[in-house]
Amino acid sequence: MADVYSSTQTLPNLVTQAYDRYLRLALRSVPQFRAFADTRAVQQTHPGDAVTFSIYQDMDDATTPFNPTGLPRTGDGNTPPGEVADPEVVQIPDPKRVQVVLEEYGNYTVLTKRLEAFSLDAALDTNAANIIAYNLASSVDVLVQTKLAECLNIITEEAGVLVESAADGTGVDVDNIAADDTAAARDFRYAVTKLRSHNVVPARGNLYGAMVHPHVAHDIRVETGAAGWREPHTYVDTANIYAGEIGTFEGAFFVESPRCFSNNNAGAVPVYNSYVFGREALAEAVASEFGVVVGGTIADPLNRKMALGWTGIAGWELFRTPDNNNGVGAMYLVQTAASVN
């Protein structure tokens, strides 16, 4: 008689699939764009659904002398006319205004008591709160970047040529960006030059900021030639190359973020947004700061449900714009293709 073994085949109910009860969170990018909003109300008059900021405009330079040479003398022929005649009165220019409209935002979920009792995740409440908190930060980040993308100072790479928009944002066309119209050092060099020449205050010390997608950062790092990023870094700070860091270049500090918007143009070429900015590029108004809400009120007579969410009331608007900053705002939007997609 053949041997009969007690095995997984004969005792299948003794063998079950095992699970790791430790649940890992999704890989995440770091929301960073709210840091652009460095302008907030200082002396707000009262609560309201919009906040209006005002910016003084400077007077034109007064370069005409009171006593211009060559004019005829008055009286005894020796008294210059400007000595007794008052100059023309000049009014102070009317301040420009920027209005920030506030909106209410939020999101929530409801956990049931039954789910908590049967869940594989022993840390269900903690992980759910973590997911809600990240949803808050990520959602606000998208709201802020959506406003930044409305910038009218635009630089594009079109057919191998740097193109700058007019003050109203016209004159550039993302549909003209080809696959090889990748970011170059000149795009950021030009943006920094224009910002500095129009008295935009640098974002940190004497440096402007540049937020770029990692795909765009790659093209900046591999650009060859003395005017590119790589050559000066090769001989000065090789640690940046080995670490894959952008660091400081052409008057700006560079920060990589995979959250920078990208969209396909009419030619199916992914076009990436990069942002070069100084101080006061974006204004923020807050009526109720964003925060996580645990245990919100639900019609639940037996207390079998728990609400978990976030909410806040705020708004954002471009602050130093071409309209109120001598034709160049405090930020440039750079739109290019990338060699890595």
C-alpha atoms as a PDB file:
ATOM      1  CA  MET A   1       0.000   0.000   0.000  1.00  0.00           C
ATOM      2  CA  ALA A   2       1.398   3.364  -0.948  1.00  0.00           C
ATOM      3  CA  ASP A   3       2.353   5.808   1.789  1.00  0.00           C
ATOM      4  CA  VAL A   4      -0.238   8.478   2.525  1.00  0.00           C
ATOM      5  CA  TYR A   5       1.272  11.820   3.396  1.00  0.00           C
ATOM      6  CA  SER A   6      -0.326  14.714   5.175  1.00  0.00           C
ATOM      7  CA  SER A   7       0.436  17.507   2.721  1.00  0.00           C
ATOM      8  CA  THR A   8      -0.852  20.820   1.446  1.00  0.00           C
ATOM      9  CA  GLN A   9      -2.860  18.803  -1.059  1.00  0.00           C
ATOM     10  CA  THR A  10      -4.624  16.702   1.552  1.00  0.00           C
ATOM     11  CA  LEU A  11      -5.043  19.456   4.163  1.00  0.00           C
ATOM     12  CA  PRO A  12      -5.710  22.587   2.055  1.00  0.00           C
ATOM     13  CA  ASN A  13      -7.651  24.324   4.822  1.00  0.00           C
ATOM     14  CA  LEU A  14      -4.470  24.570   6.886  1.00  0.00           C
ATOM     15  CA  VAL A  15      -2.678  26.672   4.266  1.00  0.00           C
ATOM     16  CA  THR A  16      -3.845  30.206   3.586  1.00  0.00           C
ATOM     17  CA  GLN A  17      -2.439  33.210   1.784  1.00  0.00           C
ATOM     18  CA  ALA A  18      -0.652  35.626   4.119  1.00  0.00           C
ATOM     19  CA  TYR A  19      -0.738  39.425   3.938  1.00  0.00           C
ATOM     20  CA  ASP A  20       1.528  42.116   5.247  1.00  0.00           C
ATOM     21  CA  ARG A  21      -0.692  44.236   7.453  1.00  0.00           C
ATOM     22  CA  TYR A  22       1.661  47.177   7.031  1.00  0.00           C
ATOM     23  CA  LEU A  23       0.223  49.196   4.128  1.00  0.00           C
ATOM     24  CA  ARG A  24       2.578  51.519   2.296  1.00  0.00           C
ATOM     25  CA  LEU A  25       1.544  54.893   0.996  1.00  0.00           C
ATOM     26  CA  ALA A  26       1.772  55.886  -2.666  1.00  0.00           C
ATOM     27  CA  LEU A  27       4.935  57.540  -3.962  1.00  0.00           C
ATOM     28  CA  ARG A  28       4.432  61.286  -3.835  1.00  0.00           C
ATOM     29  CA  SER A  29       5.886  64.490  -5.184  1.00  0.00           C
ATOM     30  CA  VAL A  30       6.379  67.360  -2.776  1.00  0.00           C
ATOM     31  CA  PRO A  31       3.918  70.275  -3.147  1.00  0.00           C
ATOM     32  CA  GLN A  32       6.015  73.453  -3.318  1.00  0.00           C
ATOM     33  CA  PHE A  33       4.191  76.107  -5.314  1.00  0.00           C
ATOM     34  CA  ARG A  34       2.428  77.824  -2.438  1.00  0.00           C
ATOM     35  CA  ALA A  35       5.835  79.202  -1.468  1.00  0.00           C
ATOM     36  CA  PHE A  36       5.447  81.574  -4.439  1.00  0.00           C
ATOM     37  CA  ALA A  37       2.678  83.380  -2.555  1.00  0.00           C
ATOM     38  CA  ASP A  38       4.808  85.732  -0.453  1.00  0.00           C
ATOM     39  CA  THR A  39       2.410  88.693  -0.614  1.00  0.00           C
ATOM     40  CA  ARG A  40      -0.418  88.771   1.923  1.00  0.00           C
ATOM     41  CA  ALA A  41      -2.694  91.423   3.436  1.00  0.00           C
ATOM     42  CA  VAL A  42      -0.934  93.484   6.126  1.00  0.00           C
ATOM     43  CA  GLN A  43      -3.770  95.725   7.337  1.00  0.00           C
ATOM     44  CA  GLN A  44      -6.986  94.162   6.049  1.00  0.00           C
ATOM     45  CA  THR A  45      -9.970  96.392   6.799  1.00  0.00           C
ATOM     46  CA  HIS A  46     -12.538  93.660   7.428  1.00  0.00           C
ATOM     47  CA  PRO A  47     -13.465  90.110   6.363  1.00  0.00           C
ATOM     48  CA  GLY A  48     -14.748  89.812   2.794  1.00  0.00           C
ATOM     49  CA  ASP A  49     -15.079  87.491  -0.183  1.00  0.00           C
ATOM     50  CA  ALA A  50     -12.277  89.360  -1.975  1.00  0.00           C
ATOM     51  CA  VAL A  51      -9.212  91.308  -0.880  1.00  0.00           C
ATOM     52  CA  THR A  52      -7.912  94.265  -2.898  1.00  0.00           C
ATOM     53  CA  PHE A  53      -4.215  95.157  -2.813  1.00  0.00           C
ATOM     54  CA  SER A  54      -2.919  98.538  -4.016  1.00  0.00           C
ATOM     55  CA  ILE A  55       0.448  99.403  -5.571  1.00  0.00           C
ATOM     56  CA  TYR A  56       1.719 102.966  -5.861  1.00  0.00           C
ATOM     57  CA  GLN A  57       3.166 104.060  -9.202  1.00  0.00           C
ATOM     58  CA  ASP A  58       6.179 106.391  -9.308  1.00  0.00           C
ATOM     59  CA  MET A  59       6.160 109.872 -10.803  1.00  0.00           C
ATOM     60  CA  ASP A  60       8.050 110.586 -14.009  1.00  0.00           C
ATOM     61  CA  ASP A  61      11.570 111.958 -13.485  1.00  0.00           C
ATOM     62  CA  ALA A  62      11.753 115.762 -13.314  1.00  0.00           C
ATOM     63  CA  THR A  63      14.686 116.749 -15.524  1.00  0.00           C
ATOM     64  CA  THR A  64      13.722 120.244 -16.737  1.00  0.00           C
ATOM     65  CA  PRO A  65      15.495 123.083 -14.878  1.00  0.00           C
ATOM     66  CA  PHE A  66      13.521 125.957 -13.412  1.00  0.00           C
ATOM     67  CA  ASN A  67      15.977 128.420 -14.969  1.00  0.00           C
ATOM     68  CA  PRO A  68      16.780 127.007 -18.413  1.00  0.00           C
ATOM     69  CA  THR A  69      19.820 128.517 -20.089  1.00  0.00           C
ATOM     70  CA  GLY A  70      19.103 130.863 -23.000  1.00  0.00           C
ATOM     71  CA  LEU A  71      15.693 132.150 -21.907  1.00  0.00           C
ATOM     72  CA  PRO A  72      15.238 135.967 -21.760  1.00  0.00           C
ATOM     73  CA  ARG A  73      15.645 137.596 -18.335  1.00  0.00           C
ATOM     74  CA  THR A  74      12.821 139.423 -16.617  1.00  0.00           C
ATOM     75  CA  GLY A  75      12.564 142.770 -14.808  1.00  0.00           C
ATOM     76  CA  ASP A  76      16.027 144.290 -14.722  1.00  0.00           C
ATOM     77  CA  GLY A  77      17.245 141.614 -17.111  1.00  0.00           C
ATOM     78  CA  ASN A  78      19.138 139.746 -14.422  1.00  0.00           C
ATOM     79  CA  THR A  79      16.399 137.761 -12.636  1.00  0.00           C
ATOM     80  CA  PRO A  80      15.836 134.284 -14.103  1.00  0.00           C
ATOM     81  CA  PRO A  81      12.086 133.657 -14.648  1.00  0.00           C
ATOM     82  CA  GLY A  82      12.179 130.370 -12.705  1.00  0.00           C
ATOM     83  CA  GLU A  83      13.247 132.132  -9.551  1.00  0.00           C
ATOM     84  CA  VAL A  84       9.860 133.745  -9.068  1.00  0.00           C
ATOM     85  CA  ALA A  85       7.560 131.546 -11.188  1.00  0.00           C
ATOM     86  CA  ASP A  86       6.271 128.301  -9.728  1.00  0.00           C
ATOM     87  CA  PRO A  87       6.807 125.082 -11.690  1.00  0.00           C
ATOM     88  CA  GLU A  88       3.820 123.118 -12.999  1.00  0.00           C
ATOM     89  CA  VAL A  89       1.969 121.041 -10.422  1.00  0.00           C
ATOM     90  CA  VAL A  90       2.287 117.282 -11.005  1.00  0.00           C
ATOM     91  CA  GLN A  91      -0.099 114.807  -9.429  1.00  0.00           C
ATOM     92  CA  ILE A  92       0.922 111.519  -7.904  1.00  0.00           C
ATOM     93  CA  PRO A  93      -0.175 108.634 -10.189  1.00  0.00           C
ATOM     94  CA  ASP A  94      -3.249 106.704  -9.163  1.00  0.00           C
ATOM     95  CA  PRO A  95      -2.265 103.391  -7.476  1.00  0.00           C
ATOM     96  CA  LYS A  96      -2.843 100.171  -9.434  1.00  0.00           C
ATOM     97  CA  ARG A  97      -5.027  97.543  -7.797  1.00  0.00           C
ATOM     98  CA  VAL A  98      -4.930  93.748  -7.662  1.00  0.00           C
ATOM     99  CA  GLN A  99      -7.988  91.878  -6.439  1.00  0.00           C
ATOM    100  CA  VAL A 100      -7.811  88.384  -4.957  1.00  0.00           C
ATOM    101  CA  VAL A 101     -11.118  86.509  -4.944  1.00  0.00           C
ATOM    102  CA  LEU A 102     -11.540  83.960  -2.166  1.00  0.00           C
ATOM    103  CA  GLU A 103     -13.172  80.566  -2.709  1.00  0.00           C
ATOM    104  CA  GLU A 104     -13.938  77.650  -0.424  1.00  0.00           C
ATOM    105  CA  TYR A 105     -12.231  74.344  -1.157  1.00  0.00           C
ATOM    106  CA  GLY A 106     -12.283  70.946   0.483  1.00  0.00           C
ATOM    107  CA  ASN A 107     -12.611  67.194   0.208  1.00  0.00           C
ATOM    108  CA  TYR A 108     -13.673  64.406   2.545  1.00  0.00           C
ATOM    109  CA  THR A 109     -14.399  60.712   2.978  1.00  0.00           C
ATOM    110  CA  VAL A 110     -16.429  58.700   5.486  1.00  0.00           C
ATOM    111  CA  LEU A 111     -15.105  55.595   7.241  1.00  0.00           C
ATOM    112  CA  THR A 112     -17.598  53.085   8.619  1.00  0.00           C
ATOM    113  CA  LYS A 113     -17.308  51.250  11.907  1.00  0.00           C
ATOM    114  CA  ARG A 114     -17.646  47.955  10.040  1.00  0.00           C
ATOM    115  CA  LEU A 115     -14.638  48.800   7.849  1.00  0.00           C
ATOM    116  CA  GLU A 116     -12.542  49.633  10.921  1.00  0.00           C
ATOM    117  CA  ALA A 117     -13.556  46.339  12.550  1.00  0.00           C
ATOM    118  CA  PHE A 118     -12.745  44.159   9.521  1.00  0.00           C
ATOM    119  CA  SER A 119      -9.884  46.087   7.916  1.00  0.00           C
ATOM    120  CA  LEU A 120      -6.604  44.373   7.126  1.00  0.00           C
ATOM    121  CA  ASP A 121      -4.887  47.698   7.892  1.00  0.00           C
ATOM    122  CA  ALA A 122      -4.285  47.975  11.619  1.00  0.00           C
ATOM    123  CA  ALA A 123      -3.465  51.672  11.138  1.00  0.00           C
ATOM    124  CA  LEU A 124      -6.488  52.507   8.985  1.00  0.00           C
ATOM    125  CA  ASP A 125      -7.334  55.777  10.742  1.00  0.00           C
ATOM    126  CA  THR A 126      -3.755  57.026  10.652  1.00  0.00           C
ATOM    127  CA  ASN A 127      -3.244  56.148   6.996  1.00  0.00           C
ATOM    128  CA  ALA A 128      -6.601  57.645   5.994  1.00  0.00           C
ATOM    129  CA  ALA A 129      -5.643  60.894   7.769  1.00  0.00           C
ATOM    130  CA  ASN A 130      -2.302  60.875   5.961  1.00  0.00           C
ATOM    131  CA  ILE A 131      -4.016  60.458   2.591  1.00  0.00           C
ATOM    132  CA  ILE A 132      -6.428  63.297   3.369  1.00  0.00           C
ATOM    133  CA  ALA A 133      -3.575  65.589   4.491  1.00  0.00           C
ATOM    134  CA  TYR A 134      -1.635  64.935   1.303  1.00  0.00           C
ATOM    135  CA  ASN A 135      -4.757  65.515  -0.774  1.00  0.00           C
ATOM    136  CA  LEU A 136      -5.032  68.924   0.913  1.00  0.00           C
ATOM    137  CA  ALA A 137      -1.439  69.904   0.147  1.00  0.00           C
ATOM    138  CA  SER A 138      -1.553  68.552  -3.402  1.00  0.00           C
ATOM    139  CA  SER A 139      -4.890  70.200  -4.242  1.00  0.00           C
ATOM    140  CA  VAL A 140      -3.758  73.618  -2.989  1.00  0.00           C
ATOM    141  CA  ASP A 141      -0.506  73.195  -4.917  1.00  0.00           C
ATOM    142  CA  VAL A 142      -2.456  72.638  -8.149  1.00  0.00           C
ATOM    143  CA  LEU A 143      -4.667  75.661  -7.456  1.00  0.00           C
ATOM    144  CA  VAL A 144      -1.605  77.867  -6.965  1.00  0.00           C
ATOM    145  CA  GLN A 145       0.231  76.600 -10.040  1.00  0.00           C
ATOM    146  CA  THR A 146      -2.905  77.053 -12.151  1.00  0.00           C
ATOM    147  CA  LYS A 147      -2.765  80.744 -11.260  1.00  0.00           C
ATOM    148  CA  LEU A 148       0.991  80.942 -11.950  1.00  0.00           C
ATOM    149  CA  ALA A 149       0.390  79.438 -15.406  1.00  0.00           C
ATOM    150  CA  GLU A 150      -1.665  82.548 -16.271  1.00  0.00           C
ATOM    151  CA  CYS A 151       1.558  84.603 -16.318  1.00  0.00           C
ATOM    152  CA  LEU A 152       1.746  86.908 -19.354  1.00  0.00           C
ATOM    153  CA  ASN A 153       5.557  87.181 -19.391  1.00  0.00           C
ATOM    154  CA  ILE A 154       6.239  84.130 -21.571  1.00  0.00           C
ATOM    155  CA  ILE A 155       9.385  82.733 -23.152  1.00  0.00           C
ATOM    156  CA  THR A 156       9.184  79.850 -25.629  1.00  0.00           C
ATOM    157  CA  GLU A 157      11.608  77.881 -27.747  1.00  0.00           C
ATOM    158  CA  GLU A 158      10.112  77.812 -31.259  1.00  0.00           C
ATOM    159  CA  ALA A 159      11.993  76.319 -34.217  1.00  0.00           C
ATOM    160  CA  GLY A 160      15.295  76.746 -32.387  1.00  0.00           C
ATOM    161  CA  VAL A 161      14.679  80.410 -31.574  1.00  0.00           C
ATOM    162  CA  LEU A 162      13.953  82.055 -28.230  1.00  0.00           C
ATOM    163  CA  VAL A 163      10.648  83.922 -28.533  1.00  0.00           C
ATOM    164  CA  GLU A 164       9.373  86.433 -25.979  1.00  0.00           C
ATOM    165  CA  SER A 165       5.727  87.410 -25.700  1.00  0.00           C
ATOM    166  CA  ALA A 166       4.369  90.924 -25.752  1.00  0.00           C
ATOM    167  CA  ALA A 167       3.264  92.419 -22.430  1.00  0.00           C
ATOM    168  CA  ASP A 168      -0.227  90.984 -22.972  1.00  0.00           C
ATOM    169  CA  GLY A 169       1.071  87.438 -23.485  1.00  0.00           C
ATOM    170  CA  THR A 170       0.603  87.396 -27.264  1.00  0.00           C
ATOM    171  CA  GLY A 171       3.277  86.702 -29.865  1.00  0.00           C
ATOM    172  CA  VAL A 172       4.179  83.174 -28.749  1.00  0.00           C
ATOM    173  CA  ASP A 173       2.573  79.904 -29.828  1.00  0.00           C
ATOM    174  CA  VAL A 174       3.147  76.614 -27.992  1.00  0.00           C
ATOM    175  CA  ASP A 175       1.954  74.764 -31.088  1.00  0.00           C
ATOM    176  CA  ASN A 176       5.161  75.927 -32.812  1.00  0.00           C
ATOM    177  CA  ILE A 177       7.304  74.112 -30.234  1.00  0.00           C
ATOM    178  CA  ALA A 178       8.897  71.058 -31.856  1.00  0.00           C
ATOM    179  CA  ALA A 179      10.292  68.006 -30.095  1.00  0.00           C
ATOM    180  CA  ASP A 180      13.847  69.371 -30.337  1.00  0.00           C
ATOM    181  CA  ASP A 181      12.929  72.807 -28.928  1.00  0.00           C
ATOM    182  CA  THR A 182      14.270  71.847 -25.526  1.00  0.00           C
ATOM    183  CA  ALA A 183      15.171  74.149 -22.644  1.00  0.00           C
ATOM    184  CA  ALA A 184      18.464  76.010 -22.875  1.00  0.00           C
ATOM    185  CA  ALA A 185      20.466  78.134 -20.477  1.00  0.00           C
ATOM    186  CA  ARG A 186      19.640  81.172 -22.587  1.00  0.00           C
ATOM    187  CA  ASP A 187      15.948  80.930 -21.665  1.00  0.00           C
ATOM    188  CA  PHE A 188      16.685  81.357 -17.961  1.00  0.00           C
ATOM    189  CA  ARG A 189      19.527  83.809 -18.545  1.00  0.00           C
ATOM    190  CA  TYR A 190      17.138  86.004 -20.534  1.00  0.00           C
ATOM    191  CA  ALA A 191      14.380  85.790 -17.910  1.00  0.00           C
ATOM    192  CA  VAL A 192      16.746  86.764 -15.091  1.00  0.00           C
ATOM    193  CA  THR A 193      18.096  89.650 -17.166  1.00  0.00           C
ATOM    194  CA  LYS A 194      14.616  91.029 -17.817  1.00  0.00           C
ATOM    195  CA  LEU A 195      13.520  90.658 -14.185  1.00  0.00           C
ATOM    196  CA  ARG A 196      16.633  92.375 -12.877  1.00  0.00           C
ATOM    197  CA  SER A 197      16.442  95.177 -15.437  1.00  0.00           C
ATOM    198  CA  HIS A 198      12.854  95.930 -14.351  1.00  0.00           C
ATOM    199  CA  ASN A 199      13.729  96.177 -10.664  1.00  0.00           C
ATOM    200  CA  VAL A 200      12.055  92.937  -9.612  1.00  0.00           C
ATOM    201  CA  VAL A 201      13.328  92.051  -6.134  1.00  0.00           C
ATOM    202  CA  PRO A 202      15.221  88.724  -6.162  1.00  0.00           C
ATOM    203  CA  ALA A 203      13.561  85.795  -4.415  1.00  0.00           C
ATOM    204  CA  ARG A 204      16.495  84.999  -2.112  1.00  0.00           C
ATOM    205  CA  GLY A 205      19.475  87.262  -1.534  1.00  0.00           C
ATOM    206  CA  ASN A 206      20.533  88.411  -4.991  1.00  0.00           C
ATOM    207  CA  LEU A 207      19.184  85.276  -6.677  1.00  0.00           C
ATOM    208  CA  TYR A 208      15.925  84.737  -8.507  1.00  0.00           C
ATOM    209  CA  GLY A 209      14.189  81.379  -8.276  1.00  0.00           C
ATOM    210  CA  ALA A 210      13.573  78.855 -11.058  1.00  0.00           C
ATOM    211  CA  MET A 211      11.191  75.924 -10.707  1.00  0.00           C
ATOM    212  CA  VAL A 212      11.714  73.318 -13.429  1.00  0.00           C
ATOM    213  CA  HIS A 213      10.539  69.808 -14.218  1.00  0.00           C
ATOM    214  CA  PRO A 214      13.244  67.093 -13.910  1.00  0.00           C
ATOM    215  CA  HIS A 215      12.941  66.488 -17.676  1.00  0.00           C
ATOM    216  CA  VAL A 216      13.722  70.157 -18.277  1.00  0.00           C
ATOM    217  CA  ALA A 217      16.543  70.080 -15.727  1.00  0.00           C
ATOM    218  CA  HIS A 218      18.100  67.203 -17.673  1.00  0.00           C
ATOM    219  CA  ASP A 219      18.304  69.299 -20.844  1.00  0.00           C
ATOM    220  CA  ILE A 220      19.871  72.212 -18.980  1.00  0.00           C
ATOM    221  CA  ARG A 221      22.539  69.936 -17.482  1.00  0.00           C
ATOM    222  CA  VAL A 222      23.491  68.246 -20.742  1.00  0.00           C
ATOM    223  CA  GLU A 223      23.741  71.470 -22.766  1.00  0.00           C
ATOM    224  CA  THR A 224      27.271  71.835 -24.094  1.00  0.00           C
ATOM    225  CA  GLY A 225      29.357  74.950 -24.641  1.00  0.00           C
ATOM    226  CA  ALA A 226      30.820  77.639 -22.418  1.00  0.00           C
ATOM    227  CA  ALA A 227      27.429  79.330 -22.045  1.00  0.00           C
ATOM    228  CA  GLY A 228      25.747  76.165 -20.795  1.00  0.00           C
ATOM    229  CA  TRP A 229      25.394  74.795 -17.280  1.00  0.00           C
ATOM    230  CA  ARG A 230      27.847  71.911 -17.490  1.00  0.00           C
ATOM    231  CA  GLU A 231      31.139  73.556 -18.437  1.00  0.00           C
ATOM    232  CA  PRO A 232      31.462  76.048 -15.559  1.00  0.00           C
ATOM    233  CA  HIS A 233      30.290  73.414 -13.065  1.00  0.00           C
ATOM    234  CA  THR A 234      32.806  70.874 -14.353  1.00  0.00           C
ATOM    235  CA  TYR A 235      35.734  72.999 -13.204  1.00  0.00           C
ATOM    236  CA  VAL A 236      34.210  74.729 -10.174  1.00  0.00           C
ATOM    237  CA  ASP A 237      31.839  72.416  -8.296  1.00  0.00           C
ATOM    238  CA  THR A 238      32.009  68.893  -9.651  1.00  0.00           C
ATOM    239  CA  ALA A 239      30.022  67.710  -6.622  1.00  0.00           C
ATOM    240  CA  ASN A 240      26.903  69.156  -8.275  1.00  0.00           C
ATOM    241  CA  ILE A 241      27.424  66.951 -11.325  1.00  0.00           C
ATOM    242  CA  TYR A 242      27.986  63.811  -9.281  1.00  0.00           C
ATOM    243  CA  ALA A 243      24.943  64.550  -7.122  1.00  0.00           C
ATOM    244  CA  GLY A 244      22.770  65.479 -10.117  1.00  0.00           C
ATOM    245  CA  GLU A 245      21.953  68.861  -8.641  1.00  0.00           C
ATOM    246  CA  ILE A 246      21.171  71.991 -10.599  1.00  0.00           C
ATOM    247  CA  GLY A 247      22.276  74.381  -7.859  1.00  0.00           C
ATOM    248  CA  THR A 248      22.802  78.045  -8.712  1.00  0.00           C
ATOM    249  CA  PHE A 249      23.246  79.195 -12.288  1.00  0.00           C
ATOM    250  CA  GLU A 250      22.911  82.462 -14.224  1.00  0.00           C
ATOM    251  CA  GLY A 251      21.611  84.470 -11.274  1.00  0.00           C
ATOM    252  CA  ALA A 252      18.971  81.963 -10.164  1.00  0.00           C
ATOM    253  CA  PHE A 253      18.703  79.011  -7.814  1.00  0.00           C
ATOM    254  CA  PHE A 254      17.045  76.020  -9.460  1.00  0.00           C
ATOM    255  CA  VAL A 255      14.526  73.685  -7.844  1.00  0.00           C
ATOM    256  CA  GLU A 256      13.295  70.530  -9.573  1.00  0.00           C
ATOM    257  CA  SER A 257       9.638  69.540  -9.238  1.00  0.00           C
ATOM    258  CA  PRO A 258       7.816  66.817 -11.174  1.00  0.00           C
ATOM    259  CA  ARG A 259       4.654  68.795 -10.414  1.00  0.00           C
ATOM    260  CA  CYS A 260       5.435  71.433 -13.063  1.00  0.00           C
ATOM    261  CA  PHE A 261       2.585  71.326 -15.578  1.00  0.00           C
ATOM    262  CA  SER A 262       3.066  69.715 -18.972  1.00  0.00           C
ATOM    263  CA  ASN A 263       0.586  69.323 -21.811  1.00  0.00           C
ATOM    264  CA  ASN A 264       0.761  68.103 -25.382  1.00  0.00           C
ATOM    265  CA  ASN A 265       0.505  70.802 -28.041  1.00  0.00           C
ATOM    266  CA  ALA A 266      -1.252  70.416 -31.394  1.00  0.00           C
ATOM    267  CA  GLY A 267       1.741  68.468 -32.708  1.00  0.00           C
ATOM    268  CA  ALA A 268       1.535  65.972 -29.803  1.00  0.00           C
ATOM    269  CA  VAL A 269       4.760  67.402 -28.351  1.00  0.00           C
ATOM    270  CA  PRO A 270       4.799  67.532 -24.528  1.00  0.00           C
ATOM    271  CA  VAL A 271       5.346  71.181 -23.540  1.00  0.00           C
ATOM    272  CA  TYR A 272       6.685  71.812 -20.035  1.00  0.00           C
ATOM    273  CA  ASN A 273       6.148  74.874 -17.862  1.00  0.00           C
ATOM    274  CA  SER A 274       9.108  76.349 -15.983  1.00  0.00           C
ATOM    275  CA  TYR A 275       8.824  79.384 -13.717  1.00  0.00           C
ATOM    276  CA  VAL A 276      11.472  82.047 -13.082  1.00  0.00           C
ATOM    277  CA  PHE A 277      10.388  84.352 -10.284  1.00  0.00           C
ATOM    278  CA  GLY A 278      11.297  87.123  -7.878  1.00  0.00           C
ATOM    279  CA  ARG A 279       9.544  88.510  -4.815  1.00  0.00           C
ATOM    280  CA  GLU A 280       5.857  89.471  -4.935  1.00  0.00           C
ATOM    281  CA  ALA A 281       5.049  87.347  -7.959  1.00  0.00           C
ATOM    282  CA  LEU A 282       1.881  86.031  -6.340  1.00  0.00           C
ATOM    283  CA  ALA A 283      -0.577  87.400  -3.772  1.00  0.00           C
ATOM    284  CA  GLU A 284      -2.553  85.196  -1.398  1.00  0.00           C
ATOM    285  CA  ALA A 285      -5.609  85.994   0.694  1.00  0.00           C
ATOM    286  CA  VAL A 286      -6.879  83.594   3.347  1.00  0.00           C
ATOM    287  CA  ALA A 287     -10.163  83.772   5.244  1.00  0.00           C
ATOM    288  CA  SER A 288      -9.863  80.303   6.785  1.00  0.00           C
ATOM    289  CA  GLU A 289      -6.530  78.479   6.727  1.00  0.00           C
ATOM    290  CA  PHE A 290      -6.557  74.995   5.240  1.00  0.00           C
ATOM    291  CA  GLY A 291      -6.689  72.178   7.747  1.00  0.00           C
ATOM    292  CA  VAL A 292      -7.750  68.575   8.295  1.00  0.00           C
ATOM    293  CA  VAL A 293     -11.148  67.958   9.889  1.00  0.00           C
ATOM    294  CA  VAL A 294     -11.616  64.756  11.892  1.00  0.00           C
ATOM    295  CA  GLY A 295     -15.038  63.598  13.028  1.00  0.00           C
ATOM    296  CA  GLY A 296     -17.157  66.036  11.090  1.00  0.00           C
ATOM    297  CA  THR A 297     -20.879  66.025  11.831  1.00  0.00           C
ATOM    298  CA  ILE A 298     -22.814  63.258  10.053  1.00  0.00           C
ATOM    299  CA  ALA A 299     -26.442  62.188  10.481  1.00  0.00           C
ATOM    300  CA  ASP A 300     -25.546  58.982  12.330  1.00  0.00           C
ATOM    301  CA  PRO A 301     -27.679  58.104  15.382  1.00  0.00           C
ATOM    302  CA  LEU A 302     -25.564  55.034  16.236  1.00  0.00           C
ATOM    303  CA  ASN A 303     -22.155  56.660  15.678  1.00  0.00           C
ATOM    304  CA  ARG A 304     -21.166  54.084  13.042  1.00  0.00           C
ATOM    305  CA  LYS A 305     -19.531  56.544  10.634  1.00  0.00           C
ATOM    306  CA  MET A 306     -16.596  58.940  10.900  1.00  0.00           C
ATOM    307  CA  ALA A 307     -16.020  61.838   8.524  1.00  0.00           C
ATOM    308  CA  LEU A 308     -12.438  62.737   7.638  1.00  0.00           C
ATOM    309  CA  GLY A 309     -11.569  65.598   5.332  1.00  0.00           C
ATOM    310  CA  TRP A 310     -10.057  69.026   4.806  1.00  0.00           C
ATOM    311  CA  THR A 311     -11.329  72.495   4.054  1.00  0.00           C
ATOM    312  CA  GLY A 312     -10.201  76.098   3.715  1.00  0.00           C
ATOM    313  CA  ILE A 313     -11.105  79.443   2.174  1.00  0.00           C
ATOM    314  CA  ALA A 314      -8.432  81.259   0.168  1.00  0.00           C
ATOM    315  CA  GLY A 315      -7.516  82.784  -3.162  1.00  0.00           C
ATOM    316  CA  TRP A 316      -4.486  83.690  -5.251  1.00  0.00           C
ATOM    317  CA  GLU A 317      -3.693  86.246  -7.946  1.00  0.00           C
ATOM    318  CA  LEU A 318      -0.601  87.307  -9.868  1.00  0.00           C
ATOM    319  CA  PHE A 319       0.632  90.423  -8.074  1.00  0.00           C
ATOM    320  CA  ARG A 320       3.506  92.197  -9.816  1.00  0.00           C
ATOM    321  CA  THR A 321       2.285  91.991 -13.415  1.00  0.00           C
ATOM    322  CA  PRO A 322       3.342  93.772 -16.633  1.00  0.00           C
ATOM    323  CA  ASP A 323       0.439  96.158 -16.028  1.00  0.00           C
ATOM    324  CA  ASN A 324       1.770  97.434 -12.700  1.00  0.00           C
ATOM    325  CA  ASN A 325       5.510  96.821 -13.014  1.00  0.00           C
ATOM    326  CA  ASN A 326       6.665  98.739 -16.082  1.00  0.00           C
ATOM    327  CA  GLY A 327       5.819  96.073 -18.649  1.00  0.00           C
ATOM    328  CA  VAL A 328       7.490  93.128 -16.906  1.00  0.00           C
ATOM    329  CA  GLY A 329       5.948  91.322 -13.959  1.00  0.00           C
ATOM    330  CA  ALA A 330       7.810  89.505 -11.198  1.00  0.00           C
ATOM    331  CA  MET A 331       7.787  86.163 -13.004  1.00  0.00           C
ATOM    332  CA  TYR A 332       8.470  84.573 -16.380  1.00  0.00           C
ATOM    333  CA  LEU A 333       6.749  81.459 -17.684  1.00  0.00           C
ATOM    334  CA  VAL A 334       9.181  79.423 -19.812  1.00  0.00           C
ATOM    335  CA  GLN A 335       7.615  76.839 -22.123  1.00  0.00           C
ATOM    336  CA  THR A 336       9.775  74.262 -23.877  1.00  0.00           C
ATOM    337  CA  ALA A 337       9.892  70.662 -25.011  1.00  0.00           C
ATOM    338  CA  ALA A 338      12.127  68.075 -23.320  1.00  0.00           C
ATOM    339  CA  SER A 339      14.343  65.326 -24.674  1.00  0.00           C
ATOM    340  CA  VAL A 340      13.164  62.974 -21.909  1.00  0.00           C
ATOM    341  CA  ASN A 341       9.449  62.242 -21.612  1.00  0.00           C
END
